[in-house]
Amino acid sequence: MRPRAAISWSGGKDCCTALLRTHPDFDIIATLTMFAEDGERSRSHGLRPDIIAAHAQRLGVTSLTGRCSWPGYTDEYVRMLGDAAALGVTHVVFGDIMGGAHRAWDERVCAAHGLTPVLPLWGASTRALVEEFIGSGSSAVIVTARAAHLDESWLGRTITLDAVRELEALGVDPCGEFGEYHTLVTDTPLFGAPLNVTFGAREMHSECWALDVHAHS
């Protein structure tokens, strides 16, 4: 039997690539997503709860969520991992690619419940990873863009090889690994159906352009 796992789920392309790489070897039964204290937006990617719920529904898994301030992030994540452990989860998949502090954090929060972290993307070429995501037949759109690197015209753009080349020409990491942009997955072979979305307002928050996205059944 495959080990039962949960996946740290931002809703973006990197966690999706991690899922694509690990699902043959693990029984992934839940997504793990952190929201702001009011529960209105996910941390980092700024996605609405209905988007995250729609992802979980299309993947056929349970959506486990938490709410926190940034200072309380770790404690709330550990609590959420307790919920995962109660479901029989023994492994947690993370989409981190680089940064020793990220890996150390993954290991620390998992250790609180005796869980094993799995980092299938660790150390990989970010250009190769984005090409792998596109090549899998998955699709994603840009939902945040750091103003120091990208203007608001990037919001809503689909990640294609042409877009990646444009990003690289601007000095942006192909995966946005230094916070230059974040994405929302709209389709992947593991979804039961594509995610239909409409784009709303474009706003500036903390020196980042953010796109409001709504899901439709």
N, C-alpha and C. Protein backbone atom coordinates (compact mmCIF):
# COMPACT_ATOMS: atom_id res chain seq x y z
N MET A 1 0.83 -1.21 0.00
CA MET A 1 0.00 0.00 0.00
C MET A 1 0.86 1.25 0.00
N ARG A 2 0.39 2.26 -0.71
CA ARG A 2 1.13 3.53 -0.73
C ARG A 2 0.94 4.26 0.60
N PRO A 3 1.98 4.95 1.08
CA PRO A 3 1.83 5.74 2.30
C PRO A 3 0.79 6.84 2.10
N ARG A 4 0.03 7.13 3.15
CA ARG A 4 -0.98 8.18 3.08
C ARG A 4 -0.30 9.54 3.30
N ALA A 5 -0.62 10.52 2.45
CA ALA A 5 0.07 11.80 2.51
C ALA A 5 -0.91 12.96 2.36
N ALA A 6 -0.45 14.12 2.78
CA ALA A 6 -1.11 15.40 2.52
C ALA A 6 -0.12 16.27 1.78
N ILE A 7 -0.62 17.30 1.08
CA ILE A 7 0.26 18.18 0.34
C ILE A 7 0.04 19.63 0.74
N SER A 8 1.12 20.34 0.99
CA SER A 8 1.05 21.76 1.27
C SER A 8 0.62 22.46 -0.02
N TRP A 9 -0.55 23.08 0.01
CA TRP A 9 -1.21 23.51 -1.23
C TRP A 9 -1.46 25.01 -1.24
N SER A 10 -0.67 25.73 -2.05
CA SER A 10 -0.87 27.17 -2.23
C SER A 10 -1.88 27.45 -3.33
N GLY A 11 -2.10 26.46 -4.19
CA GLY A 11 -2.95 26.65 -5.36
C GLY A 11 -2.16 26.97 -6.62
N GLY A 12 -0.82 27.07 -6.49
CA GLY A 12 0.02 27.45 -7.61
C GLY A 12 0.69 26.28 -8.30
N LYS A 13 1.47 26.61 -9.33
CA LYS A 13 2.05 25.61 -10.21
C LYS A 13 3.09 24.72 -9.53
N ASP A 14 3.87 25.26 -8.59
CA ASP A 14 4.93 24.44 -7.99
C ASP A 14 4.37 23.32 -7.13
N CYS A 15 3.36 23.62 -6.30
CA CYS A 15 2.77 22.54 -5.50
C CYS A 15 2.07 21.55 -6.41
N CYS A 16 1.54 22.02 -7.53
CA CYS A 16 0.91 21.11 -8.49
C CYS A 16 1.95 20.19 -9.11
N THR A 17 3.12 20.73 -9.45
CA THR A 17 4.19 19.89 -9.99
C THR A 17 4.64 18.86 -8.95
N ALA A 18 4.72 19.28 -7.69
CA ALA A 18 5.06 18.35 -6.62
C ALA A 18 4.03 17.23 -6.51
N LEU A 19 2.76 17.58 -6.68
CA LEU A 19 1.70 16.59 -6.64
C LEU A 19 1.82 15.62 -7.81
N LEU A 20 2.06 16.16 -8.99
CA LEU A 20 2.20 15.31 -10.17
C LEU A 20 3.35 14.32 -10.01
N ARG A 21 4.43 14.78 -9.37
CA ARG A 21 5.60 13.90 -9.20
C ARG A 21 5.37 12.81 -8.16
N THR A 22 4.55 13.10 -7.15
CA THR A 22 4.45 12.18 -6.01
C THR A 22 3.21 11.31 -6.01
N HIS A 23 2.18 11.68 -6.75
CA HIS A 23 0.92 10.93 -6.62
C HIS A 23 1.04 9.45 -7.00
N PRO A 24 1.97 9.05 -7.88
CA PRO A 24 2.06 7.60 -8.14
C PRO A 24 2.56 6.80 -6.93
N ASP A 25 3.32 7.45 -6.05
CA ASP A 25 3.96 6.74 -4.94
C ASP A 25 3.27 6.95 -3.60
N PHE A 26 2.35 7.92 -3.51
CA PHE A 26 1.67 8.23 -2.26
C PHE A 26 0.16 8.30 -2.48
N ASP A 27 -0.58 7.92 -1.46
CA ASP A 27 -2.03 8.10 -1.46
C ASP A 27 -2.31 9.47 -0.86
N ILE A 28 -2.36 10.49 -1.71
CA ILE A 28 -2.51 11.87 -1.23
C ILE A 28 -3.99 12.15 -1.02
N ILE A 29 -4.36 12.36 0.25
CA ILE A 29 -5.77 12.44 0.61
C ILE A 29 -6.22 13.84 1.03
N ALA A 30 -5.27 14.79 1.18
CA ALA A 30 -5.66 16.10 1.68
C ALA A 30 -4.72 17.19 1.18
N THR A 31 -5.28 18.39 1.02
CA THR A 31 -4.48 19.58 0.78
C THR A 31 -4.42 20.38 2.08
N LEU A 32 -3.32 21.10 2.27
CA LEU A 32 -3.09 21.92 3.46
C LEU A 32 -2.89 23.37 3.01
N THR A 33 -3.78 24.26 3.43
CA THR A 33 -3.71 25.65 2.97
C THR A 33 -3.94 26.60 4.13
N MET A 34 -3.09 27.62 4.21
CA MET A 34 -3.19 28.63 5.27
C MET A 34 -3.84 29.90 4.73
N PHE A 35 -4.77 30.44 5.52
CA PHE A 35 -5.46 31.68 5.20
C PHE A 35 -5.12 32.76 6.21
N ALA A 36 -5.43 33.99 5.83
CA ALA A 36 -5.29 35.12 6.76
C ALA A 36 -6.27 34.93 7.92
N GLU A 37 -6.13 35.75 8.93
CA GLU A 37 -6.93 35.60 10.14
C GLU A 37 -8.43 35.65 9.89
N ASP A 38 -8.85 36.47 8.91
CA ASP A 38 -10.28 36.57 8.63
C ASP A 38 -10.78 35.48 7.69
N GLY A 39 -9.87 34.64 7.19
CA GLY A 39 -10.25 33.53 6.34
C GLY A 39 -10.63 33.91 4.92
N GLU A 40 -10.44 35.18 4.56
CA GLU A 40 -10.90 35.66 3.26
C GLU A 40 -9.91 35.38 2.13
N ARG A 41 -8.63 35.32 2.46
CA ARG A 41 -7.60 35.14 1.42
C ARG A 41 -6.53 34.19 1.92
N SER A 42 -6.00 33.38 0.99
CA SER A 42 -4.91 32.49 1.37
C SER A 42 -3.62 33.29 1.52
N ARG A 43 -2.76 32.80 2.37
CA ARG A 43 -1.46 33.43 2.56
C ARG A 43 -0.63 33.30 1.28
N SER A 44 0.16 34.30 0.98
CA SER A 44 1.07 34.35 -0.18
C SER A 44 0.35 34.56 -1.50
N HIS A 45 -0.56 33.66 -1.87
CA HIS A 45 -1.17 33.75 -3.19
C HIS A 45 -2.45 34.59 -3.22
N GLY A 46 -3.02 34.87 -2.04
CA GLY A 46 -4.18 35.74 -1.99
C GLY A 46 -5.43 35.19 -2.64
N LEU A 47 -5.62 33.87 -2.58
CA LEU A 47 -6.77 33.24 -3.23
C LEU A 47 -7.96 33.13 -2.28
N ARG A 48 -9.15 33.21 -2.84
CA ARG A 48 -10.37 33.08 -2.06
C ARG A 48 -10.59 31.62 -1.66
N PRO A 49 -11.33 31.38 -0.56
CA PRO A 49 -11.58 30.01 -0.12
C PRO A 49 -12.27 29.14 -1.17
N ASP A 50 -13.14 29.74 -1.99
CA ASP A 50 -13.84 28.91 -2.98
C ASP A 50 -12.88 28.35 -4.03
N ILE A 51 -11.79 29.06 -4.29
CA ILE A 51 -10.79 28.56 -5.24
C ILE A 51 -10.11 27.31 -4.67
N ILE A 52 -9.66 27.42 -3.43
CA ILE A 52 -8.97 26.29 -2.79
C ILE A 52 -9.92 25.10 -2.65
N ALA A 53 -11.17 25.36 -2.29
CA ALA A 53 -12.15 24.29 -2.16
C ALA A 53 -12.41 23.63 -3.51
N ALA A 54 -12.44 24.43 -4.58
CA ALA A 54 -12.66 23.89 -5.91
C ALA A 54 -11.50 23.01 -6.36
N HIS A 55 -10.28 23.40 -5.99
CA HIS A 55 -9.12 22.56 -6.29
C HIS A 55 -9.26 21.20 -5.60
N ALA A 56 -9.56 21.21 -4.30
CA ALA A 56 -9.67 19.96 -3.55
C ALA A 56 -10.77 19.07 -4.12
N GLN A 57 -11.89 19.70 -4.49
CA GLN A 57 -12.99 18.93 -5.05
C GLN A 57 -12.58 18.26 -6.35
N ARG A 58 -11.84 18.98 -7.19
CA ARG A 58 -11.40 18.43 -8.47
C ARG A 58 -10.33 17.36 -8.30
N LEU A 59 -9.58 17.45 -7.21
CA LEU A 59 -8.57 16.43 -6.93
C LEU A 59 -9.15 15.23 -6.17
N GLY A 60 -10.37 15.39 -5.66
CA GLY A 60 -10.99 14.31 -4.91
C GLY A 60 -10.36 14.10 -3.55
N VAL A 61 -9.93 15.20 -2.90
CA VAL A 61 -9.27 15.10 -1.59
C VAL A 61 -9.95 16.03 -0.60
N THR A 62 -9.59 15.87 0.66
CA THR A 62 -10.08 16.75 1.72
C THR A 62 -9.25 18.03 1.76
N SER A 63 -9.91 19.15 1.95
CA SER A 63 -9.20 20.43 2.10
C SER A 63 -9.08 20.77 3.57
N LEU A 64 -7.86 20.72 4.10
CA LEU A 64 -7.59 21.13 5.47
C LEU A 64 -7.04 22.55 5.44
N THR A 65 -7.60 23.44 6.27
CA THR A 65 -7.19 24.84 6.25
C THR A 65 -6.92 25.35 7.65
N GLY A 66 -6.17 26.45 7.70
CA GLY A 66 -5.93 27.14 8.95
C GLY A 66 -6.02 28.63 8.74
N ARG A 67 -6.19 29.37 9.83
CA ARG A 67 -6.23 30.83 9.78
C ARG A 67 -5.19 31.37 10.76
N CYS A 68 -4.43 32.39 10.33
CA CYS A 68 -3.39 32.88 11.22
C CYS A 68 -2.87 34.24 10.78
N SER A 69 -2.21 34.91 11.72
CA SER A 69 -1.37 36.05 11.39
C SER A 69 -0.03 35.49 10.94
N TRP A 70 0.80 36.34 10.32
CA TRP A 70 2.12 35.83 9.94
C TRP A 70 2.91 35.35 11.16
N PRO A 71 2.91 36.08 12.30
CA PRO A 71 3.67 35.58 13.45
C PRO A 71 3.17 34.24 13.99
N GLY A 72 1.87 33.96 13.79
CA GLY A 72 1.31 32.72 14.30
C GLY A 72 1.28 31.59 13.28
N TYR A 73 1.94 31.80 12.14
CA TYR A 73 1.86 30.85 11.02
C TYR A 73 2.32 29.45 11.42
N THR A 74 3.49 29.37 12.04
CA THR A 74 4.05 28.06 12.35
C THR A 74 3.17 27.28 13.32
N ASP A 75 2.71 27.93 14.37
CA ASP A 75 1.88 27.24 15.36
C ASP A 75 0.59 26.73 14.73
N GLU A 76 -0.03 27.54 13.88
CA GLU A 76 -1.27 27.13 13.24
C GLU A 76 -1.02 26.01 12.24
N TYR A 77 0.11 26.05 11.56
CA TYR A 77 0.43 24.98 10.61
C TYR A 77 0.61 23.66 11.34
N VAL A 78 1.29 23.71 12.48
CA VAL A 78 1.47 22.50 13.28
C VAL A 78 0.11 21.95 13.72
N ARG A 79 -0.80 22.84 14.12
CA ARG A 79 -2.14 22.39 14.50
C ARG A 79 -2.83 21.70 13.33
N MET A 80 -2.70 22.30 12.13
CA MET A 80 -3.32 21.73 10.95
C MET A 80 -2.73 20.36 10.61
N LEU A 81 -1.42 20.22 10.82
CA LEU A 81 -0.79 18.92 10.59
C LEU A 81 -1.32 17.86 11.56
N GLY A 82 -1.74 18.31 12.74
CA GLY A 82 -2.37 17.38 13.67
C GLY A 82 -3.67 16.83 13.11
N ASP A 83 -4.43 17.70 12.42
CA ASP A 83 -5.66 17.24 11.76
C ASP A 83 -5.33 16.22 10.68
N ALA A 84 -4.24 16.47 9.94
CA ALA A 84 -3.83 15.53 8.89
C ALA A 84 -3.42 14.19 9.50
N ALA A 85 -2.65 14.24 10.58
CA ALA A 85 -2.21 13.01 11.23
C ALA A 85 -3.41 12.19 11.73
N ALA A 86 -4.45 12.89 12.17
CA ALA A 86 -5.65 12.20 12.65
C ALA A 86 -6.37 11.45 11.54
N LEU A 87 -6.10 11.84 10.29
CA LEU A 87 -6.68 11.16 9.13
C LEU A 87 -5.81 9.99 8.66
N GLY A 88 -4.71 9.75 9.37
CA GLY A 88 -3.82 8.65 9.00
C GLY A 88 -2.67 9.06 8.11
N VAL A 89 -2.49 10.37 7.92
CA VAL A 89 -1.38 10.86 7.10
C VAL A 89 -0.06 10.61 7.81
N THR A 90 0.92 10.10 7.05
CA THR A 90 2.26 9.86 7.60
C THR A 90 3.33 10.69 6.90
N HIS A 91 3.01 11.24 5.72
CA HIS A 91 3.96 12.02 4.94
C HIS A 91 3.31 13.33 4.49
N VAL A 92 4.12 14.38 4.38
CA VAL A 92 3.63 15.68 3.90
C VAL A 92 4.50 16.13 2.74
N VAL A 93 3.87 16.41 1.61
CA VAL A 93 4.58 16.83 0.40
C VAL A 93 4.64 18.36 0.36
N PHE A 94 5.84 18.89 0.10
CA PHE A 94 6.05 20.32 -0.02
C PHE A 94 6.61 20.64 -1.41
N GLY A 95 6.26 21.82 -1.93
CA GLY A 95 6.73 22.23 -3.25
C GLY A 95 7.95 23.12 -3.22
N ASP A 96 8.67 23.17 -2.09
CA ASP A 96 9.86 24.01 -2.00
C ASP A 96 10.93 23.52 -2.96
N ILE A 97 11.66 24.48 -3.53
CA ILE A 97 12.69 24.17 -4.52
C ILE A 97 14.09 24.46 -3.99
N MET A 98 14.20 25.55 -3.24
CA MET A 98 15.51 25.97 -2.73
C MET A 98 15.33 26.72 -1.42
N GLY A 99 16.45 26.95 -0.73
CA GLY A 99 16.42 27.72 0.51
C GLY A 99 16.46 26.82 1.73
N GLY A 100 17.61 26.75 2.36
CA GLY A 100 17.78 25.87 3.51
C GLY A 100 16.80 26.13 4.62
N ALA A 101 16.42 27.40 4.83
CA ALA A 101 15.48 27.74 5.89
C ALA A 101 14.11 27.13 5.62
N HIS A 102 13.71 27.08 4.35
CA HIS A 102 12.42 26.47 4.00
C HIS A 102 12.42 24.98 4.35
N ARG A 103 13.49 24.31 3.96
CA ARG A 103 13.57 22.87 4.22
C ARG A 103 13.59 22.60 5.73
N ALA A 104 14.35 23.39 6.46
CA ALA A 104 14.43 23.21 7.92
C ALA A 104 13.06 23.40 8.56
N TRP A 105 12.29 24.38 8.05
CA TRP A 105 10.94 24.63 8.57
C TRP A 105 10.04 23.43 8.28
N ASP A 106 10.09 22.91 7.07
CA ASP A 106 9.29 21.75 6.70
C ASP A 106 9.57 20.59 7.66
N GLU A 107 10.84 20.36 7.90
CA GLU A 107 11.22 19.26 8.78
C GLU A 107 10.75 19.50 10.21
N ARG A 108 10.83 20.76 10.65
CA ARG A 108 10.46 21.07 12.05
C ARG A 108 8.97 20.90 12.29
N VAL A 109 8.14 21.41 11.39
CA VAL A 109 6.70 21.30 11.63
C VAL A 109 6.23 19.85 11.51
N CYS A 110 6.84 19.10 10.62
CA CYS A 110 6.46 17.69 10.50
C CYS A 110 6.87 16.90 11.73
N ALA A 111 8.03 17.24 12.30
CA ALA A 111 8.52 16.51 13.46
C ALA A 111 7.58 16.61 14.65
N ALA A 112 6.80 17.69 14.71
CA ALA A 112 5.89 17.89 15.84
C ALA A 112 4.86 16.77 15.93
N HIS A 113 4.56 16.11 14.81
CA HIS A 113 3.60 15.01 14.81
C HIS A 113 4.19 13.71 14.28
N GLY A 114 5.52 13.65 14.19
CA GLY A 114 6.17 12.44 13.72
C GLY A 114 5.92 12.15 12.25
N LEU A 115 5.67 13.20 11.47
CA LEU A 115 5.41 13.05 10.04
C LEU A 115 6.71 13.18 9.24
N THR A 116 6.71 12.62 8.04
CA THR A 116 7.90 12.65 7.19
C THR A 116 7.70 13.65 6.06
N PRO A 117 8.57 14.68 5.96
CA PRO A 117 8.45 15.63 4.85
C PRO A 117 8.98 15.02 3.55
N VAL A 118 8.31 15.36 2.45
CA VAL A 118 8.72 14.90 1.12
C VAL A 118 8.87 16.14 0.25
N LEU A 119 10.07 16.35 -0.33
CA LEU A 119 10.35 17.54 -1.14
C LEU A 119 10.79 17.10 -2.53
N PRO A 120 9.84 16.77 -3.41
CA PRO A 120 10.19 16.19 -4.70
C PRO A 120 10.83 17.16 -5.68
N LEU A 121 10.71 18.48 -5.44
CA LEU A 121 11.27 19.46 -6.36
C LEU A 121 12.62 19.99 -5.90
N TRP A 122 13.05 19.59 -4.73
CA TRP A 122 14.21 20.20 -4.10
C TRP A 122 15.46 20.12 -4.98
N GLY A 123 16.08 21.28 -5.21
CA GLY A 123 17.33 21.35 -5.94
C GLY A 123 17.20 21.28 -7.44
N ALA A 124 15.97 21.19 -7.95
CA ALA A 124 15.78 21.08 -9.40
C ALA A 124 15.94 22.43 -10.08
N SER A 125 16.22 22.41 -11.37
CA SER A 125 16.28 23.63 -12.18
C SER A 125 14.89 24.23 -12.29
N THR A 126 14.77 25.52 -11.97
CA THR A 126 13.45 26.15 -12.03
C THR A 126 12.95 26.23 -13.47
N ARG A 127 13.86 26.37 -14.43
CA ARG A 127 13.42 26.37 -15.83
C ARG A 127 12.88 24.98 -16.20
N ALA A 128 13.57 23.94 -15.77
CA ALA A 128 13.11 22.59 -16.06
C ALA A 128 11.76 22.31 -15.40
N LEU A 129 11.56 22.83 -14.19
CA LEU A 129 10.30 22.58 -13.49
C LEU A 129 9.12 23.25 -14.17
N VAL A 130 9.29 24.49 -14.60
CA VAL A 130 8.17 25.16 -15.26
C VAL A 130 7.88 24.49 -16.60
N GLU A 131 8.92 24.02 -17.28
CA GLU A 131 8.70 23.29 -18.52
C GLU A 131 7.98 21.96 -18.25
N GLU A 132 8.31 21.32 -17.14
CA GLU A 132 7.65 20.07 -16.76
C GLU A 132 6.17 20.32 -16.49
N PHE A 133 5.87 21.41 -15.78
CA PHE A 133 4.48 21.75 -15.48
C PHE A 133 3.69 21.96 -16.77
N ILE A 134 4.23 22.76 -17.68
CA ILE A 134 3.55 23.04 -18.94
C ILE A 134 3.42 21.75 -19.76
N GLY A 135 4.50 20.97 -19.80
CA GLY A 135 4.51 19.74 -20.59
C GLY A 135 3.55 18.68 -20.09
N SER A 136 3.16 18.76 -18.82
CA SER A 136 2.23 17.79 -18.26
C SER A 136 0.81 17.99 -18.76
N GLY A 137 0.58 19.12 -19.43
CA GLY A 137 -0.77 19.46 -19.84
C GLY A 137 -1.49 20.31 -18.82
N SER A 138 -0.77 20.75 -17.79
CA SER A 138 -1.34 21.62 -16.77
C SER A 138 -1.30 23.07 -17.23
N SER A 139 -2.14 23.90 -16.63
CA SER A 139 -2.13 25.33 -16.96
C SER A 139 -2.31 26.15 -15.70
N ALA A 140 -1.75 27.36 -15.72
CA ALA A 140 -1.83 28.26 -14.58
C ALA A 140 -1.77 29.70 -15.07
N VAL A 141 -2.36 30.60 -14.29
CA VAL A 141 -2.33 32.03 -14.60
C VAL A 141 -1.66 32.78 -13.46
N ILE A 142 -1.05 33.90 -13.78
CA ILE A 142 -0.38 34.73 -12.77
C ILE A 142 -1.42 35.52 -11.98
N VAL A 143 -1.35 35.41 -10.64
CA VAL A 143 -2.32 36.11 -9.79
C VAL A 143 -1.68 37.17 -8.89
N THR A 144 -0.37 37.11 -8.71
CA THR A 144 0.33 38.21 -8.05
C THR A 144 1.62 38.50 -8.81
N ALA A 145 2.00 39.76 -8.82
CA ALA A 145 3.22 40.18 -9.51
C ALA A 145 3.89 41.27 -8.69
N ARG A 146 5.12 41.02 -8.28
CA ARG A 146 5.84 42.01 -7.47
C ARG A 146 6.21 43.20 -8.35
N ALA A 147 5.76 44.38 -7.91
CA ALA A 147 5.87 45.58 -8.74
C ALA A 147 7.30 45.95 -9.08
N ALA A 148 8.26 45.55 -8.26
CA ALA A 148 9.67 45.85 -8.55
C ALA A 148 10.16 45.11 -9.78
N HIS A 149 9.46 44.04 -10.18
CA HIS A 149 9.89 43.21 -11.30
C HIS A 149 8.91 43.20 -12.47
N LEU A 150 7.60 43.23 -12.15
CA LEU A 150 6.58 43.06 -13.17
C LEU A 150 5.45 44.07 -12.98
N ASP A 151 4.88 44.54 -14.09
CA ASP A 151 3.76 45.47 -13.97
C ASP A 151 2.43 44.70 -13.98
N GLU A 152 1.34 45.43 -13.82
CA GLU A 152 0.04 44.77 -13.66
C GLU A 152 -0.43 44.06 -14.92
N SER A 153 0.19 44.33 -16.06
CA SER A 153 -0.22 43.66 -17.29
C SER A 153 0.03 42.15 -17.23
N TRP A 154 0.88 41.73 -16.29
CA TRP A 154 1.16 40.30 -16.15
C TRP A 154 0.04 39.56 -15.45
N LEU A 155 -0.79 40.25 -14.71
CA LEU A 155 -1.88 39.58 -13.99
C LEU A 155 -2.84 38.92 -14.97
N GLY A 156 -3.16 37.67 -14.70
CA GLY A 156 -4.08 36.93 -15.56
C GLY A 156 -3.42 36.24 -16.74
N ARG A 157 -2.13 36.47 -16.94
CA ARG A 157 -1.45 35.83 -18.07
C ARG A 157 -1.20 34.35 -17.80
N THR A 158 -1.40 33.54 -18.81
CA THR A 158 -1.14 32.11 -18.70
C THR A 158 0.36 31.84 -18.79
N ILE A 159 0.82 30.90 -17.97
CA ILE A 159 2.22 30.50 -18.01
C ILE A 159 2.45 29.62 -19.23
N THR A 160 3.13 30.16 -20.23
CA THR A 160 3.51 29.43 -21.44
C THR A 160 5.02 29.53 -21.58
N LEU A 161 5.58 28.77 -22.52
CA LEU A 161 7.02 28.86 -22.74
C LEU A 161 7.41 30.26 -23.22
N ASP A 162 6.56 30.89 -24.03
CA ASP A 162 6.84 32.26 -24.46
C ASP A 162 6.84 33.21 -23.27
N ALA A 163 5.88 33.05 -22.36
CA ALA A 163 5.82 33.90 -21.17
C ALA A 163 7.06 33.69 -20.30
N VAL A 164 7.50 32.44 -20.18
CA VAL A 164 8.70 32.15 -19.39
C VAL A 164 9.92 32.85 -19.99
N ARG A 165 10.03 32.82 -21.30
CA ARG A 165 11.16 33.51 -21.94
C ARG A 165 11.10 35.01 -21.69
N GLU A 166 9.92 35.58 -21.71
CA GLU A 166 9.77 37.01 -21.41
C GLU A 166 10.16 37.30 -19.96
N LEU A 167 9.75 36.44 -19.05
CA LEU A 167 10.10 36.61 -17.64
C LEU A 167 11.61 36.57 -17.44
N GLU A 168 12.24 35.61 -18.07
CA GLU A 168 13.70 35.49 -17.95
C GLU A 168 14.40 36.73 -18.51
N ALA A 169 13.88 37.28 -19.60
CA ALA A 169 14.47 38.48 -20.20
C ALA A 169 14.38 39.67 -19.26
N LEU A 170 13.39 39.63 -18.36
CA LEU A 170 13.23 40.69 -17.36
C LEU A 170 14.01 40.42 -16.08
N GLY A 171 14.75 39.33 -16.07
CA GLY A 171 15.53 38.97 -14.90
C GLY A 171 14.75 38.25 -13.82
N VAL A 172 13.59 37.72 -14.19
CA VAL A 172 12.72 37.01 -13.25
C VAL A 172 13.01 35.52 -13.31
N ASP A 173 13.08 34.87 -12.15
CA ASP A 173 13.26 33.43 -12.11
C ASP A 173 12.09 32.75 -12.82
N PRO A 174 12.36 31.69 -13.60
CA PRO A 174 11.27 31.04 -14.34
C PRO A 174 10.10 30.60 -13.48
N CYS A 175 10.38 30.17 -12.25
CA CYS A 175 9.30 29.76 -11.33
C CYS A 175 8.88 30.88 -10.39
N GLY A 176 9.48 32.07 -10.52
CA GLY A 176 9.18 33.14 -9.57
C GLY A 176 9.66 32.78 -8.18
N GLU A 177 10.78 32.08 -8.11
CA GLU A 177 11.24 31.51 -6.85
C GLU A 177 11.70 32.55 -5.85
N PHE A 178 11.90 33.78 -6.30
CA PHE A 178 12.30 34.85 -5.38
C PHE A 178 11.15 35.81 -5.11
N GLY A 179 9.93 35.29 -5.25
CA GLY A 179 8.74 36.06 -4.93
C GLY A 179 8.28 37.01 -6.01
N GLU A 180 8.83 36.88 -7.23
CA GLU A 180 8.48 37.81 -8.29
C GLU A 180 7.03 37.66 -8.74
N TYR A 181 6.51 36.44 -8.69
CA TYR A 181 5.11 36.23 -9.06
C TYR A 181 4.60 34.93 -8.45
N HIS A 182 3.26 34.83 -8.36
CA HIS A 182 2.60 33.61 -7.92
C HIS A 182 1.50 33.27 -8.92
N THR A 183 1.13 32.00 -8.94
CA THR A 183 0.16 31.54 -9.93
C THR A 183 -1.03 30.82 -9.30
N LEU A 184 -2.04 30.63 -10.12
CA LEU A 184 -3.21 29.82 -9.80
C LEU A 184 -3.35 28.75 -10.87
N VAL A 185 -3.39 27.48 -10.45
CA VAL A 185 -3.59 26.37 -11.38
C VAL A 185 -5.05 26.35 -11.82
N THR A 186 -5.27 26.32 -13.13
CA THR A 186 -6.64 26.25 -13.65
C THR A 186 -6.96 24.88 -14.24
N ASP A 187 -5.93 24.10 -14.51
CA ASP A 187 -6.17 22.73 -14.99
C ASP A 187 -4.90 21.91 -14.81
N THR A 188 -5.10 20.61 -14.63
CA THR A 188 -4.02 19.64 -14.54
C THR A 188 -4.64 18.27 -14.80
N PRO A 189 -3.87 17.31 -15.29
CA PRO A 189 -4.44 15.99 -15.54
C PRO A 189 -5.07 15.34 -14.32
N LEU A 190 -4.70 15.78 -13.12
CA LEU A 190 -5.27 15.19 -11.91
C LEU A 190 -6.61 15.80 -11.52
N PHE A 191 -7.02 16.90 -12.16
CA PHE A 191 -8.33 17.49 -11.89
C PHE A 191 -9.42 16.65 -12.55
N GLY A 192 -10.57 16.55 -11.87
CA GLY A 192 -11.71 15.91 -12.48
C GLY A 192 -12.32 16.74 -13.60
N ALA A 193 -12.09 18.06 -13.54
CA ALA A 193 -12.58 18.99 -14.56
C ALA A 193 -11.76 20.26 -14.44
N PRO A 194 -11.61 21.04 -15.53
CA PRO A 194 -10.90 22.30 -15.44
C PRO A 194 -11.58 23.26 -14.45
N LEU A 195 -10.81 24.19 -13.94
CA LEU A 195 -11.34 25.23 -13.06
C LEU A 195 -11.69 26.45 -13.91
N ASN A 196 -12.97 26.78 -13.96
CA ASN A 196 -13.41 27.97 -14.69
C ASN A 196 -13.37 29.17 -13.78
N VAL A 197 -12.69 30.22 -14.20
CA VAL A 197 -12.52 31.41 -13.36
C VAL A 197 -12.86 32.68 -14.13
N THR A 198 -13.19 33.71 -13.37
CA THR A 198 -13.30 35.06 -13.93
C THR A 198 -12.39 35.97 -13.12
N PHE A 199 -11.86 36.97 -13.79
CA PHE A 199 -10.94 37.90 -13.14
C PHE A 199 -11.69 39.15 -12.70
N GLY A 200 -11.36 39.59 -11.49
CA GLY A 200 -11.97 40.79 -10.94
C GLY A 200 -10.97 41.93 -10.86
N ALA A 201 -10.99 42.63 -9.73
CA ALA A 201 -10.19 43.83 -9.56
C ALA A 201 -8.70 43.51 -9.49
N ARG A 202 -7.91 44.51 -9.91
CA ARG A 202 -6.45 44.44 -9.77
C ARG A 202 -6.06 45.50 -8.74
N GLU A 203 -5.38 45.08 -7.70
CA GLU A 203 -5.04 45.99 -6.61
C GLU A 203 -3.58 45.82 -6.22
N MET A 204 -3.05 46.85 -5.58
CA MET A 204 -1.68 46.81 -5.07
C MET A 204 -1.71 46.53 -3.57
N HIS A 205 -1.02 45.49 -3.14
CA HIS A 205 -0.91 45.16 -1.72
C HIS A 205 0.55 44.83 -1.42
N SER A 206 1.12 45.53 -0.44
CA SER A 206 2.49 45.25 0.00
C SER A 206 3.46 45.19 -1.18
N GLU A 207 3.35 46.18 -2.07
CA GLU A 207 4.24 46.33 -3.22
C GLU A 207 4.09 45.19 -4.24
N CYS A 208 2.93 44.53 -4.20
CA CYS A 208 2.63 43.49 -5.19
C CYS A 208 1.28 43.79 -5.84
N TRP A 209 1.23 43.59 -7.14
CA TRP A 209 -0.04 43.61 -7.83
C TRP A 209 -0.76 42.30 -7.54
N ALA A 210 -2.06 42.37 -7.25
CA ALA A 210 -2.85 41.18 -6.94
C ALA A 210 -4.12 41.17 -7.76
N LEU A 211 -4.45 40.01 -8.29
CA LEU A 211 -5.65 39.82 -9.12
C LEU A 211 -6.70 39.06 -8.31
N ASP A 212 -7.89 39.61 -8.23
CA ASP A 212 -9.00 38.93 -7.58
C ASP A 212 -9.59 37.92 -8.56
N VAL A 213 -9.69 36.67 -8.13
CA VAL A 213 -10.15 35.60 -9.01
C VAL A 213 -11.34 34.90 -8.36
N HIS A 214 -12.36 34.63 -9.17
CA HIS A 214 -13.54 33.92 -8.71
C HIS A 214 -13.68 32.61 -9.45
N ALA A 215 -14.08 31.55 -8.74
CA ALA A 215 -14.28 30.23 -9.36
C ALA A 215 -15.74 30.06 -9.72
N HIS A 216 -15.97 29.28 -10.77
CA HIS A 216 -17.32 28.95 -11.20
C HIS A 216 -17.42 27.44 -11.39
N SER A 217 -18.54 26.88 -10.97
CA SER A 217 -18.71 25.44 -11.07
C SER A 217 -18.96 25.03 -12.52
